[in-house]
C-alpha cells in the first residue's frame, strides 16, 4: 500500500465514521432552556415599565429604547445594552436604580430584539 494512502485514509475515514454515527444515532438532542438566563427576571415588577420610544437610525430603521429619567436634574447619563437573548425589559430594574441615583438612563432594544424588529 502506498504511504500517502496510509495518511489520507484515516483523515477521510474518521470524519466519515463520525458523520455516519451522528446520522444513525440521531445526533444531539435539543438542550433544555437555561434557567440561569430567565430566572432573574421571573419576579421582576414590570408595572412601571416605561413605554417604548423610537429613534430612526441613519439607514431609516426605527430603533426602540426606554427612557428612565431622574426626578431632578440629571447628574449624568447612561446607555444600557442588553445581552443577546434579551431586550430592554431585562434592564428595567437596573435602569430604575440608576435613575433613582440621579442618572438619565436609556435602555436600548438592539436591532433584531424587542421593539426594534426581528431583523
Protein backbone atom coordinates (compact mmCIF):
# COMPACT_ATOMS: atom_id res chain seq x y z
CA UNK A 1 0.00 0.00 0.00
CA UNK A 2 1.43 3.44 -0.92
CA UNK A 3 2.42 5.63 2.05
CA UNK A 4 0.13 8.51 1.01
CA UNK A 5 -2.90 6.20 1.35
CA UNK A 6 -1.87 5.40 4.93
CA UNK A 7 -2.06 9.14 5.67
CA UNK A 8 -5.18 10.07 3.67
CA UNK A 9 -7.32 7.05 4.62
CA UNK A 10 -7.59 7.95 8.36
CA UNK A 11 -8.17 11.62 7.52
CA UNK A 12 -11.20 10.61 5.43
CA UNK A 13 -12.42 7.55 7.34
CA UNK A 14 -12.61 9.11 10.83
CA UNK A 15 -14.81 12.13 9.87
CA UNK A 16 -16.96 9.88 7.66
CA UNK A 17 -17.43 7.44 10.54
CA UNK A 18 -18.39 10.24 12.93
CA UNK A 19 -20.90 11.62 10.42
CA UNK A 20 -22.39 8.15 9.91
CA UNK A 21 -22.69 7.64 13.68
CA UNK A 22 -24.44 11.02 14.08
CA UNK A 23 -26.91 10.09 11.34
CA UNK A 24 -27.58 6.61 12.74
CA UNK A 25 -27.95 7.65 16.38
CA UNK A 26 -29.80 10.91 15.67
CA UNK A 27 -27.17 13.39 16.83
CA UNK A 28 -27.50 15.54 19.94
CA UNK A 29 -30.90 16.23 21.48
CA UNK A 30 -32.46 19.67 21.92
CA UNK A 31 -30.95 21.28 25.06
CA UNK A 32 -33.22 22.45 27.87
CA UNK A 33 -33.66 26.24 28.23
CA UNK A 34 -31.07 27.72 30.54
CA UNK A 35 -32.79 28.71 33.78
CA UNK A 36 -29.84 30.92 34.66
CA UNK A 37 -30.83 33.28 31.84
CA UNK A 38 -34.56 33.57 32.52
CA UNK A 39 -34.71 33.02 36.29
CA UNK A 40 -33.58 36.51 37.44
CA UNK A 41 -36.43 38.17 35.52
CA UNK A 42 -39.22 35.90 36.73
CA UNK A 43 -40.09 38.03 39.78
CA UNK A 44 -39.26 41.49 38.40
CA UNK A 45 -42.00 44.12 38.75
CA UNK A 46 -42.73 45.49 35.27
CA UNK A 47 -45.71 47.68 36.26
CA UNK A 48 -43.62 50.87 35.94
CA UNK A 49 -42.06 49.83 32.63
CA UNK A 50 -41.72 52.99 30.51
CA UNK A 51 -43.26 52.86 27.04
CA UNK A 52 -41.03 52.19 24.06
CA UNK A 53 -39.82 55.24 22.19
CA UNK A 54 -38.31 55.11 18.72
CA UNK A 55 -35.47 56.89 17.01
CA UNK A 56 -34.63 56.48 13.31
CA UNK A 57 -31.15 55.15 12.64
CA UNK A 58 -29.07 56.57 9.77
CA UNK A 59 -30.48 53.91 7.44
CA UNK A 60 -34.05 54.85 8.45
CA UNK A 61 -34.66 51.77 10.62
CA UNK A 62 -36.70 52.65 13.72
CA UNK A 63 -34.78 51.56 16.82
CA UNK A 64 -36.63 51.24 20.14
CA UNK A 65 -35.50 52.34 23.59
CA UNK A 66 -36.90 53.15 27.02
CA UNK A 67 -36.13 56.34 28.99
CA UNK A 68 -35.67 56.36 32.74
CA UNK A 69 -35.28 59.97 33.88
CA UNK A 70 -34.43 61.09 37.42
CA UNK A 71 -36.81 63.27 39.43
CA UNK A 72 -34.44 66.27 39.39
CA UNK A 73 -31.75 67.47 37.03
CA UNK A 74 -29.65 64.51 35.86
CA UNK A 75 -26.07 64.19 37.17
CA UNK A 76 -25.09 62.32 34.02
CA UNK A 77 -26.44 59.77 31.60
CA UNK A 78 -26.13 56.04 30.99
CA UNK A 79 -26.94 53.92 27.95
CA UNK A 80 -27.67 50.25 28.70
CA UNK A 81 -27.39 47.48 26.11
CA UNK A 82 -28.98 44.10 26.81
CA UNK A 83 -27.49 40.65 26.22
CA UNK A 84 -28.02 38.53 23.13
CA UNK A 85 -31.15 36.74 24.34
CA UNK A 86 -32.98 39.73 25.85
CA UNK A 87 -34.43 43.18 25.19
CA UNK A 88 -34.75 46.46 27.12
CA UNK A 89 -37.17 44.89 29.61
CA UNK A 90 -34.31 42.85 31.07
CA UNK A 91 -32.62 46.10 32.13
CA UNK A 92 -35.69 47.54 33.87
CA UNK A 93 -34.60 47.01 37.49
CA UNK A 94 -31.07 48.32 36.85
CA UNK A 95 -32.35 51.30 34.87
CA UNK A 96 -34.76 52.24 37.67
CA UNK A 97 -31.96 52.12 40.23
CA UNK A 98 -29.70 54.30 38.07
CA UNK A 99 -32.49 56.85 37.55
CA UNK A 100 -33.13 56.94 41.30
CA UNK A 101 -29.41 57.64 41.75
CA UNK A 102 -29.82 60.74 39.56
CA UNK A 103 -28.69 59.43 36.17
CA UNK A 104 -30.71 59.77 32.98
CA UNK A 105 -30.81 56.17 31.76
CA UNK A 106 -31.71 54.80 28.35
CA UNK A 107 -32.26 51.06 27.81
CA UNK A 108 -31.92 50.01 24.18
CA UNK A 109 -33.64 47.34 22.14
CA UNK A 110 -30.77 46.35 19.86
CA UNK A 111 -31.51 45.62 16.19
CA UNK A 112 -33.41 42.36 15.89
CA UNK A 113 -34.64 42.41 19.51
CA UNK A 114 -37.79 43.62 21.24
CA UNK A 115 -39.34 46.71 19.68
CA UNK A 116 -36.52 47.14 17.17
CA UNK A 117 -37.85 44.37 14.93
CA UNK A 118 -36.81 40.85 14.13
CA UNK A 119 -34.01 41.59 11.64
